[in-house]
C-alpha atoms as a PDB file:
ATOM      1  CA  MET A   1     118.543  99.166 120.731  1.00  0.00           C
ATOM      2  CA  ASN A   2     115.563 100.319 118.652  1.00  0.00           C
ATOM      3  CA  TYR A   3     115.476 103.755 117.046  1.00  0.00           C
ATOM      4  CA  SER A   4     112.605 105.646 118.674  1.00  0.00           C
ATOM      5  CA  LYS A   5     112.999 109.271 117.567  1.00  0.00           C
ATOM      6  CA  LEU A   6     109.996 110.716 115.728  1.00  0.00           C
ATOM      7  CA  PRO A   7     110.074 113.151 112.793  1.00  0.00           C
ATOM      8  CA  ILE A   8     109.442 116.785 113.674  1.00  0.00           C
ATOM      9  CA  SER A   9     108.085 119.667 111.630  1.00  0.00           C
ATOM     10  CA  ILE A  10     110.226 122.485 110.280  1.00  0.00           C
ATOM     11  CA  SER A  11     108.721 124.820 112.898  1.00  0.00           C
ATOM     12  CA  ASP A  12     109.789 122.391 115.604  1.00  0.00           C
ATOM     13  CA  GLN A  13     113.259 122.140 114.030  1.00  0.00           C
ATOM     14  CA  ILE A  14     113.570 125.921 114.350  1.00  0.00           C
ATOM     15  CA  SER A  15     112.460 125.774 117.981  1.00  0.00           C
ATOM     16  CA  LEU A  16     114.991 123.008 118.648  1.00  0.00           C
ATOM     17  CA  LEU A  17     117.841 125.077 117.196  1.00  0.00           C
ATOM     18  CA  LYS A  18     116.798 128.141 119.193  1.00  0.00           C
ATOM     19  CA  GLY A  19     116.650 126.040 122.338  1.00  0.00           C
ATOM     20  CA  ARG A  20     120.252 125.012 121.753  1.00  0.00           C
ATOM     21  CA  GLY A  21     121.352 128.649 121.531  1.00  0.00           C
ATOM     22  CA  LEU A  22     121.397 129.290 117.771  1.00  0.00           C
ATOM     23  CA  VAL A  23     120.430 132.861 116.880  1.00  0.00           C
ATOM     24  CA  ILE A  24     117.625 132.879 114.305  1.00  0.00           C
ATOM     25  CA  GLY A  25     116.632 136.425 113.471  1.00  0.00           C
ATOM     26  CA  ASP A  26     114.077 135.613 110.770  1.00  0.00           C
ATOM     27  CA  ASP A  27     111.874 132.555 111.293  1.00  0.00           C
ATOM     28  CA  ALA A  28     110.341 132.862 107.830  1.00  0.00           C
ATOM     29  CA  TYR A  29     113.792 132.798 106.213  1.00  0.00           C
ATOM     30  CA  ALA A  30     114.811 129.813 108.346  1.00  0.00           C
ATOM     31  CA  LYS A  31     111.627 127.966 107.397  1.00  0.00           C
ATOM     32  CA  GLU A  32     112.228 128.697 103.712  1.00  0.00           C
ATOM     33  CA  GLN A  33     115.812 127.404 103.830  1.00  0.00           C
ATOM     34  CA  LEU A  34     114.969 124.291 105.835  1.00  0.00           C
ATOM     35  CA  GLY A  35     112.275 123.589 103.243  1.00  0.00           C
ATOM     36  CA  ILE A  36     114.867 123.378 100.459  1.00  0.00           C
ATOM     37  CA  ILE A  37     117.877 122.175 102.475  1.00  0.00           C
ATOM     38  CA  SER A  38     117.142 119.248 104.777  1.00  0.00           C
ATOM     39  CA  TYR A  39     117.925 119.686 108.465  1.00  0.00           C
ATOM     40  CA  PHE A  40     120.589 116.984 108.440  1.00  0.00           C
ATOM     41  CA  ARG A  41     122.265 118.304 105.311  1.00  0.00           C
ATOM     42  CA  LEU A  42     122.472 121.695 106.983  1.00  0.00           C
ATOM     43  CA  ALA A  43     123.720 119.999 110.166  1.00  0.00           C
ATOM     44  CA  ASP A  44     127.137 119.609 108.505  1.00  0.00           C
ATOM     45  CA  TYR A  45     127.363 123.412 108.405  1.00  0.00           C
ATOM     46  CA  LEU A  46     125.867 123.933 111.857  1.00  0.00           C
ATOM     47  CA  GLN A  47     128.450 121.662 113.504  1.00  0.00           C
ATOM     48  CA  PRO A  48     131.375 124.149 113.225  1.00  0.00           C
ATOM     49  CA  LEU A  49     129.211 126.696 115.081  1.00  0.00           C
ATOM     50  CA  GLU A  50     128.721 124.450 118.119  1.00  0.00           C
ATOM     51  CA  ASP A  51     130.568 124.929 121.393  1.00  0.00           C
ATOM     52  CA  ASN A  52     129.581 121.461 122.649  1.00  0.00           C
ATOM     53  CA  HIS A  53     129.351 118.714 120.041  1.00  0.00           C
ATOM     54  CA  SER A  54     127.870 116.179 122.464  1.00  0.00           C
ATOM     55  CA  LEU A  55     124.991 118.424 123.528  1.00  0.00           C
ATOM     56  CA  HIS A  56     124.833 120.238 120.139  1.00  0.00           C
ATOM     57  CA  THR A  57     124.711 123.613 121.850  1.00  0.00           C
ATOM     58  CA  PHE A  58     125.928 126.653 119.944  1.00  0.00           C
ATOM     59  CA  LYS A  59     128.447 129.416 120.510  1.00  0.00           C
ATOM     60  CA  SER A  60     126.918 132.627 121.801  1.00  0.00           C
ATOM     61  CA  ASP A  61     127.374 134.486 118.511  1.00  0.00           C
ATOM     62  CA  ALA A  62     126.406 131.624 116.163  1.00  0.00           C
ATOM     63  CA  THR A  63     123.587 132.421 113.741  1.00  0.00           C
ATOM     64  CA  PHE A  64     121.416 130.404 111.389  1.00  0.00           C
ATOM     65  CA  GLU A  65     122.597 132.665 108.571  1.00  0.00           C
ATOM     66  CA  ASP A  66     126.217 131.629 109.280  1.00  0.00           C
ATOM     67  CA  ALA A  67     125.354 127.990 108.560  1.00  0.00           C
ATOM     68  CA  VAL A  68     123.373 128.858 105.427  1.00  0.00           C
ATOM     69  CA  THR A  69     126.253 130.991 104.159  1.00  0.00           C
ATOM     70  CA  LEU A  70     128.640 128.057 104.625  1.00  0.00           C
ATOM     71  CA  TYR A  71     126.220 125.784 102.781  1.00  0.00           C
ATOM     72  CA  TYR A  72     125.981 128.056  99.746  1.00  0.00           C
ATOM     73  CA  PHE A  73     129.729 128.623  99.714  1.00  0.00           C
ATOM     74  CA  ASP A  74     130.261 124.864  99.705  1.00  0.00           C
ATOM     75  CA  LYS A  75     127.700 124.446  96.941  1.00  0.00           C
ATOM     76  CA  GLU A  76     129.478 126.965  94.701  1.00  0.00           C
ATOM     77  CA  LEU A  77     132.845 125.463  95.585  1.00  0.00           C
ATOM     78  CA  ARG A  78     131.678 121.992  94.516  1.00  0.00           C
ATOM     79  CA  SER A  79     130.481 123.403  91.190  1.00  0.00           C
ATOM     80  CA  LEU A  80     133.835 125.076  90.583  1.00  0.00           C
ATOM     81  CA  ILE A  81     135.771 121.930  91.466  1.00  0.00           C
ATOM     82  CA  PHE A  82     133.538 119.715  89.360  1.00  0.00           C
ATOM     83  CA  THR A  83     134.203 121.907  86.319  1.00  0.00           C
ATOM     84  CA  ALA A  84     137.941 121.325  86.782  1.00  0.00           C
ATOM     85  CA  ILE A  85     137.403 117.603  87.292  1.00  0.00           C
ATOM     86  CA  GLN A  86     135.524 117.427  83.986  1.00  0.00           C
ATOM     87  CA  SER A  87     138.631 118.683  82.192  1.00  0.00           C
ATOM     88  CA  ILE A  88     140.856 116.184  84.021  1.00  0.00           C
ATOM     89  CA  GLU A  89     138.505 113.271  83.429  1.00  0.00           C
ATOM     90  CA  ILE A  90     137.981 113.942  79.728  1.00  0.00           C
ATOM     91  CA  ALA A  91     141.719 114.431  79.155  1.00  0.00           C
ATOM     92  CA  LEU A  92     142.542 111.151  80.896  1.00  0.00           C
ATOM     93  CA  ARG A  93     139.912 109.293  78.868  1.00  0.00           C
ATOM     94  CA  SER A  94     141.359 110.690  75.668  1.00  0.00           C
ATOM     95  CA  LYS A  95     144.938 109.787  76.567  1.00  0.00           C
ATOM     96  CA  MET A  96     143.997 106.280  77.696  1.00  0.00           C
ATOM     97  CA  ILE A  97     142.112 105.733  74.441  1.00  0.00           C
ATOM     98  CA  ASN A  98     144.854 107.098  72.201  1.00  0.00           C
ATOM     99  CA  HIS A  99     147.891 105.549  73.870  1.00  0.00           C
ATOM    100  CA  CYS A 100     146.475 102.127  74.721  1.00  0.00           C
ATOM    101  CA  ALA A 101     144.402 101.516  71.575  1.00  0.00           C
ATOM    102  CA  LEU A 102     147.343 102.298  69.281  1.00  0.00           C
ATOM    103  CA  ARG A 103     149.638 100.117  71.386  1.00  0.00           C
ATOM    104  CA  TYR A 104     147.392  97.176  72.283  1.00  0.00           C
ATOM    105  CA  GLY A 105     144.464  97.213  69.845  1.00  0.00           C
ATOM    106  CA  ALA A 106     140.829  98.281  69.722  1.00  0.00           C
ATOM    107  CA  HIS A 107     139.630  96.026  72.558  1.00  0.00           C
ATOM    108  CA  TRP A 108     142.713  96.080  74.790  1.00  0.00           C
ATOM    109  CA  PHE A 109     140.666  96.742  77.947  1.00  0.00           C
ATOM    110  CA  MET A 110     139.073  93.269  77.576  1.00  0.00           C
ATOM    111  CA  ASP A 111     142.415  91.419  77.512  1.00  0.00           C
ATOM    112  CA  PHE A 112     144.046  90.520  80.849  1.00  0.00           C
ATOM    113  CA  GLU A 113     147.426  90.319  79.092  1.00  0.00           C
ATOM    114  CA  TRP A 114     147.823  94.091  79.551  1.00  0.00           C
ATOM    115  CA  PHE A 115     146.977  94.193  83.267  1.00  0.00           C
ATOM    116  CA  LYS A 116     148.636  93.234  86.551  1.00  0.00           C
ATOM    117  CA  ASP A 117     145.918  92.044  88.902  1.00  0.00           C
ATOM    118  CA  ARG A 118     143.315  89.559  87.612  1.00  0.00           C
ATOM    119  CA  SER A 119     140.812  90.232  90.394  1.00  0.00           C
ATOM    120  CA  ILE A 120     140.836  93.989  89.756  1.00  0.00           C
ATOM    121  CA  PHE A 121     140.715  93.357  86.003  1.00  0.00           C
ATOM    122  CA  MET A 122     137.656  91.090  86.275  1.00  0.00           C
ATOM    123  CA  SER A 123     135.718  93.335  88.654  1.00  0.00           C
ATOM    124  CA  THR A 124     136.478  96.408  86.528  1.00  0.00           C
ATOM    125  CA  LEU A 125     135.496  94.637  83.317  1.00  0.00           C
ATOM    126  CA  LYS A 126     132.204  93.575  84.910  1.00  0.00           C
ATOM    127  CA  LYS A 127     131.443  97.204  85.734  1.00  0.00           C
ATOM    128  CA  ILE A 128     132.465  98.294  82.238  1.00  0.00           C
ATOM    129  CA  ILE A 129     130.067  95.776  80.683  1.00  0.00           C
ATOM    130  CA  GLY A 130     127.243  97.031  82.901  1.00  0.00           C
ATOM    131  CA  ASP A 131     127.967 100.708  82.158  1.00  0.00           C
ATOM    132  CA  THR A 132     128.121 100.075  78.422  1.00  0.00           C
ATOM    133  CA  GLU A 133     124.930  98.002  78.309  1.00  0.00           C
ATOM    134  CA  ARG A 134     123.086 100.779  80.156  1.00  0.00           C
ATOM    135  CA  SER A 135     124.437 103.516  77.900  1.00  0.00           C
ATOM    136  CA  LYS A 136     121.964 105.419  75.722  1.00  0.00           C
ATOM    137  CA  GLU A 137     124.649 107.001  73.542  1.00  0.00           C
ATOM    138  CA  GLU A 138     123.938 106.684  69.834  1.00  0.00           C
ATOM    139  CA  TYR A 139     127.463 105.520  69.008  1.00  0.00           C
ATOM    140  CA  VAL A 140     127.063 102.630  71.458  1.00  0.00           C
ATOM    141  CA  LYS A 141     123.649 101.683  70.047  1.00  0.00           C
ATOM    142  CA  GLU A 142     125.065 101.752  66.525  1.00  0.00           C
ATOM    143  CA  TYR A 143     127.775  99.267  67.509  1.00  0.00           C
ATOM    144  CA  TYR A 144     125.254  96.745  68.834  1.00  0.00           C
ATOM    145  CA  GLN A 145     123.083  97.211  65.747  1.00  0.00           C
ATOM    146  CA  ASP A 146     125.986  96.365  63.430  1.00  0.00           C
ATOM    147  CA  TYR A 147     128.135  93.909  65.404  1.00  0.00           C
ATOM    148  CA  THR A 148     127.691  90.878  67.639  1.00  0.00           C
ATOM    149  CA  SER A 149     131.340  90.377  68.581  1.00  0.00           C
ATOM    150  CA  PRO A 150     133.233  91.412  70.644  1.00  0.00           C
ATOM    151  CA  ILE A 151     130.557  91.984  73.263  1.00  0.00           C
ATOM    152  CA  LEU A 152     131.778  95.546  73.845  1.00  0.00           C
ATOM    153  CA  PRO A 153     132.462  98.397  71.414  1.00  0.00           C
ATOM    154  CA  PRO A 154     136.083  99.444  70.790  1.00  0.00           C
ATOM    155  CA  ALA A 155     137.947 101.499  73.375  1.00  0.00           C
ATOM    156  CA  TRP A 156     137.242 104.831  71.690  1.00  0.00           C
ATOM    157  CA  LYS A 157     133.527 104.237  72.311  1.00  0.00           C
ATOM    158  CA  THR A 158     133.483 102.180  75.495  1.00  0.00           C
ATOM    159  CA  LEU A 159     135.868 104.325  77.531  1.00  0.00           C
ATOM    160  CA  GLU A 160     133.657 107.351  76.932  1.00  0.00           C
ATOM    161  CA  VAL A 161     130.733 105.833  78.862  1.00  0.00           C
ATOM    162  CA  ILE A 162     132.410 104.107  81.814  1.00  0.00           C
ATOM    163  CA  THR A 163     132.746 105.676  85.254  1.00  0.00           C
ATOM    164  CA  PHE A 164     135.786 107.674  86.267  1.00  0.00           C
ATOM    165  CA  GLY A 165     136.318 105.125  89.029  1.00  0.00           C
ATOM    166  CA  SER A 166     136.666 102.337  86.466  1.00  0.00           C
ATOM    167  CA  LEU A 167     138.989 104.493  84.379  1.00  0.00           C
ATOM    168  CA  SER A 168     141.133 105.152  87.451  1.00  0.00           C
ATOM    169  CA  LYS A 169     141.382 101.449  88.257  1.00  0.00           C
ATOM    170  CA  MET A 170     142.305 100.607  84.660  1.00  0.00           C
ATOM    171  CA  TYR A 171     145.177 103.094  84.659  1.00  0.00           C
ATOM    172  CA  GLU A 172     146.464 101.850  87.994  1.00  0.00           C
ATOM    173  CA  ASN A 173     146.173  98.199  86.933  1.00  0.00           C
ATOM    174  CA  LEU A 174     148.002  98.595  83.605  1.00  0.00           C
ATOM    175  CA  LYS A 175     151.010  96.293  83.504  1.00  0.00           C
ATOM    176  CA  GLU A 176     153.300  98.206  81.159  1.00  0.00           C
ATOM    177  CA  LYS A 177     154.843 101.241  82.876  1.00  0.00           C
ATOM    178  CA  VAL A 178     156.022 102.825  79.628  1.00  0.00           C
ATOM    179  CA  VAL A 179     152.530 103.803  78.490  1.00  0.00           C
ATOM    180  CA  LYS A 180     151.610 104.986  81.992  1.00  0.00           C
ATOM    181  CA  ARG A 181     154.689 107.216  82.072  1.00  0.00           C
ATOM    182  CA  GLU A 182     153.834 108.627  78.636  1.00  0.00           C
ATOM    183  CA  ILE A 183     150.377 109.644  79.841  1.00  0.00           C
ATOM    184  CA  ALA A 184     151.786 111.110  83.065  1.00  0.00           C
ATOM    185  CA  ARG A 185     154.399 113.157  81.227  1.00  0.00           C
ATOM    186  CA  GLU A 186     151.793 114.607  78.861  1.00  0.00           C
ATOM    187  CA  LEU A 187     150.089 115.926  81.999  1.00  0.00           C
ATOM    188  CA  LYS A 188     153.443 117.288  83.254  1.00  0.00           C
ATOM    189  CA  VAL A 189     153.502 114.771  86.105  1.00  0.00           C
ATOM    190  CA  PRO A 190     156.966 113.238  86.648  1.00  0.00           C
ATOM    191  CA  THR A 191     155.953 109.665  87.497  1.00  0.00           C
ATOM    192  CA  HIS A 192     152.997 107.391  86.890  1.00  0.00           C
ATOM    193  CA  LEU A 193     152.814 106.674  90.618  1.00  0.00           C
ATOM    194  CA  ILE A 194     152.072 110.313  91.408  1.00  0.00           C
ATOM    195  CA  LEU A 195     149.479 110.435  88.631  1.00  0.00           C
ATOM    196  CA  GLU A 196     147.845 107.258  89.981  1.00  0.00           C
ATOM    197  CA  ASN A 197     147.529 108.929  93.360  1.00  0.00           C
ATOM    198  CA  TRP A 198     146.180 112.166  91.889  1.00  0.00           C
ATOM    199  CA  ILE A 199     143.616 110.270  89.823  1.00  0.00           C
ATOM    200  CA  GLN A 200     142.464 108.442  92.956  1.00  0.00           C
ATOM    201  CA  CYS A 201     142.048 111.775  94.746  1.00  0.00           C
ATOM    202  CA  THR A 202     140.137 113.167  91.765  1.00  0.00           C
ATOM    203  CA  ALA A 203     137.819 110.146  91.609  1.00  0.00           C
ATOM    204  CA  VAL A 204     136.979 110.476  95.316  1.00  0.00           C
ATOM    205  CA  MET A 205     136.338 114.198  94.950  1.00  0.00           C
ATOM    206  CA  ARG A 206     134.169 113.606  91.885  1.00  0.00           C
ATOM    207  CA  ASN A 207     131.951 111.241  93.854  1.00  0.00           C
ATOM    208  CA  LEU A 208     131.657 113.733  96.716  1.00  0.00           C
ATOM    209  CA  CYS A 209     130.667 116.512  94.324  1.00  0.00           C
ATOM    210  CA  CYS A 210     128.178 114.321  92.460  1.00  0.00           C
ATOM    211  CA  HIS A 211     126.460 113.391  95.726  1.00  0.00           C
ATOM    212  CA  HIS A 212     126.488 117.001  96.979  1.00  0.00           C
ATOM    213  CA  ASN A 213     128.575 116.117 100.017  1.00  0.00           C
ATOM    214  CA  ARG A 214     130.250 118.715 102.218  1.00  0.00           C
ATOM    215  CA  ILE A 215     133.832 119.351 101.127  1.00  0.00           C
ATOM    216  CA  TRP A 216     134.882 122.754 102.535  1.00  0.00           C
ATOM    217  CA  ASN A 217     136.348 121.481 105.829  1.00  0.00           C
ATOM    218  CA  ARG A 218     136.470 117.745 105.114  1.00  0.00           C
ATOM    219  CA  ARG A 219     139.480 115.617 106.043  1.00  0.00           C
ATOM    220  CA  PHE A 220     140.280 113.334 103.102  1.00  0.00           C
ATOM    221  CA  ALA A 221     141.290 109.707 103.592  1.00  0.00           C
ATOM    222  CA  VAL A 222     143.020 109.629 100.191  1.00  0.00           C
ATOM    223  CA  LYS A 223     145.735 112.274 100.365  1.00  0.00           C
ATOM    224  CA  PRO A 224     147.613 113.680  97.348  1.00  0.00           C
ATOM    225  CA  GLN A 225     151.328 113.103  97.026  1.00  0.00           C
ATOM    226  CA  LEU A 226     153.081 116.463  96.872  1.00  0.00           C
ATOM    227  CA  PRO A 227     156.430 116.407  95.057  1.00  0.00           C
ATOM    228  CA  ASN A 228     158.923 119.148  95.842  1.00  0.00           C
ATOM    229  CA  ARG A 229     159.243 120.141  92.192  1.00  0.00           C
ATOM    230  CA  LEU A 230     157.169 119.827  89.050  1.00  0.00           C
ATOM    231  CA  GLU A 231     157.603 120.913  85.472  1.00  0.00           C
ATOM    232  CA  GLY A 232     154.877 123.552  85.683  1.00  0.00           C
ATOM    233  CA  LYS A 233     154.075 126.165  88.326  1.00  0.00           C
ATOM    234  CA  TRP A 234     153.805 124.484  91.713  1.00  0.00           C
ATOM    235  CA  ILE A 235     153.578 125.183  95.432  1.00  0.00           C
ATOM    236  CA  ILE A 236     156.255 125.553  98.053  1.00  0.00           C
ATOM    237  CA  PRO A 237     155.729 122.388 100.132  1.00  0.00           C
ATOM    238  CA  SER A 238     154.393 122.928 103.642  1.00  0.00           C
ATOM    239  CA  ALA A 239     154.977 120.938 106.806  1.00  0.00           C
ATOM    240  CA  SER A 240     151.236 120.396 107.290  1.00  0.00           C
ATOM    241  CA  LEU A 241     149.695 117.069 106.285  1.00  0.00           C
ATOM    242  CA  PRO A 242     147.750 117.085 102.999  1.00  0.00           C
ATOM    243  CA  VAL A 243     144.449 115.887 104.463  1.00  0.00           C
ATOM    244  CA  LYS A 244     142.536 119.110 103.835  1.00  0.00           C
ATOM    245  CA  LEU A 245     140.930 120.548 100.725  1.00  0.00           C
ATOM    246  CA  TYR A 246     143.673 123.044  99.886  1.00  0.00           C
ATOM    247  CA  TRP A 247     146.074 120.341  98.756  1.00  0.00           C
ATOM    248  CA  GLN A 248     143.425 118.793  96.528  1.00  0.00           C
ATOM    249  CA  LEU A 249     142.844 122.209  94.976  1.00  0.00           C
ATOM    250  CA  CYS A 250     146.573 122.467  94.233  1.00  0.00           C
ATOM    251  CA  VAL A 251     146.423 119.186  92.317  1.00  0.00           C
ATOM    252  CA  PHE A 252     143.364 120.285  90.322  1.00  0.00           C
ATOM    253  CA  GLN A 253     144.937 123.636  89.472  1.00  0.00           C
ATOM    254  CA  TYR A 254     148.182 122.014  88.349  1.00  0.00           C
ATOM    255  CA  LEU A 255     146.395 119.503  86.106  1.00  0.00           C
ATOM    256  CA  GLU A 256     144.128 122.228  84.714  1.00  0.00           C
ATOM    257  CA  ASP A 257     147.240 124.233  83.797  1.00  0.00           C
ATOM    258  CA  ALA A 258     148.670 121.192  81.998  1.00  0.00           C
ATOM    259  CA  ILE A 259     145.442 120.543  80.085  1.00  0.00           C
ATOM    260  CA  HIS A 260     144.092 124.062  79.507  1.00  0.00           C
ATOM    261  CA  PRO A 261     146.829 126.664  80.135  1.00  0.00           C
ATOM    262  CA  GLU A 262     144.278 129.485  79.780  1.00  0.00           C
ATOM    263  CA  ASN A 263     141.899 128.054  82.384  1.00  0.00           C
ATOM    264  CA  THR A 264     140.078 130.302  84.858  1.00  0.00           C
ATOM    265  CA  PHE A 265     140.100 127.967  87.871  1.00  0.00           C
ATOM    266  CA  ARG A 266     142.473 130.011  90.056  1.00  0.00           C
ATOM    267  CA  THR A 267     140.730 133.279  89.195  1.00  0.00           C
ATOM    268  CA  LYS A 268     137.284 131.907  90.000  1.00  0.00           C
ATOM    269  CA  LEU A 269     138.532 130.327  93.217  1.00  0.00           C
ATOM    270  CA  LYS A 270     139.913 133.667  94.405  1.00  0.00           C
ATOM    271  CA  GLU A 271     136.656 135.376  93.415  1.00  0.00           C
ATOM    272  CA  LEU A 272     134.650 132.799  95.352  1.00  0.00           C
ATOM    273  CA  LEU A 273     136.753 133.254  98.493  1.00  0.00           C
ATOM    274  CA  ALA A 274     136.376 137.030  98.177  1.00  0.00           C
ATOM    275  CA  LYS A 275     132.601 136.626  97.820  1.00  0.00           C
ATOM    276  CA  TYR A 276     132.445 134.746 101.139  1.00  0.00           C
ATOM    277  CA  PRO A 277     134.937 136.554 103.411  1.00  0.00           C
ATOM    278  CA  SER A 278     133.426 135.022 106.556  1.00  0.00           C
ATOM    279  CA  VAL A 279     134.420 131.489 105.512  1.00  0.00           C
ATOM    280  CA  ASP A 280     137.412 130.196 107.469  1.00  0.00           C
ATOM    281  CA  ILE A 281     139.941 129.121 104.827  1.00  0.00           C
ATOM    282  CA  VAL A 282     142.241 127.738 107.546  1.00  0.00           C
ATOM    283  CA  ALA A 283     139.602 125.034 108.056  1.00  0.00           C
ATOM    284  CA  MET A 284     140.284 124.040 104.440  1.00  0.00           C
ATOM    285  CA  GLY A 285     144.034 123.834 105.027  1.00  0.00           C
ATOM    286  CA  PHE A 286     145.009 127.080 103.286  1.00  0.00           C
ATOM    287  CA  PRO A 287     148.360 128.409 104.550  1.00  0.00           C
ATOM    288  CA  SER A 288     148.498 132.128 105.281  1.00  0.00           C
ATOM    289  CA  ASP A 289     150.835 132.777 102.327  1.00  0.00           C
ATOM    290  CA  TRP A 290     149.066 130.531  99.822  1.00  0.00           C
ATOM    291  CA  GLN A 291     148.654 133.272  97.196  1.00  0.00           C
ATOM    292  CA  ASP A 292     152.439 133.844  97.178  1.00  0.00           C
ATOM    293  CA  ASN A 293     153.028 130.316  95.843  1.00  0.00           C
ATOM    294  CA  PRO A 294     153.904 130.192  92.127  1.00  0.00           C
ATOM    295  CA  LEU A 295     150.885 127.999  91.421  1.00  0.00           C
ATOM    296  CA  TRP A 296     148.452 130.673  92.626  1.00  0.00           C
ATOM    297  CA  ASN A 297     150.415 133.840  91.963  1.00  0.00           C
ATOM    298  CA  GLU A 298     149.297 135.248  88.631  1.00  0.00           C
END
């Protein structure tokens, strides 16, 4: 079946939305927003306002401004989350560099002896080589100016320029559990298996944020493991499944507390939710008593 739909102008997009029952009180405002937010990016925020997803017709009280408000809330939420992920990512890089280099040597990440799965090792190493060769960092350039072997700089340089996805795979693929447990415990996580899972969740979220994807009411395929107890402040486990954003936020807050005890993540999250009172936090998986949990109760 050939695709036959033709592109339509922004004015026609507005007429289409009105024809489906969306209230648009200010055409000029709608035209301005659709000029800087594509129709199909905004469609992610229009979908919750529909009463019929097959016909794409809207609820009687749904407005264009409702969708735009959701979009800007999600945009600010991604920025807040990405700031927390930066702390987590940089801390993990540092701990991987320090623990593994001292234990296995400067170029440990190039030696299969320290890893479990050869296929994962080889594919990750290939990506690491590509990331390092593309790097414009001065400390990487200096290595290639001075040395011809090994083909990659030492871990304390190379691990700073690889992707978080590669870093995540390296941690998971490490053979020796002792070093993985040491890193986990420094982050106040009881087992390396839980940290592996949390790093996977963080890597997925990082990619979503980097590509400006909708996250506010997303259902996540990679779900965080939620232990009943942790060393630091934690949540009271709920019966609901951890497929929604709230549970990811709990993980980020816990790791932020372990890395930067004076962080402002929880404060800024509460301020953001207060700024957008019309946003349905239940759609993000927030329980009604979430602020009573030790993790969020300041």
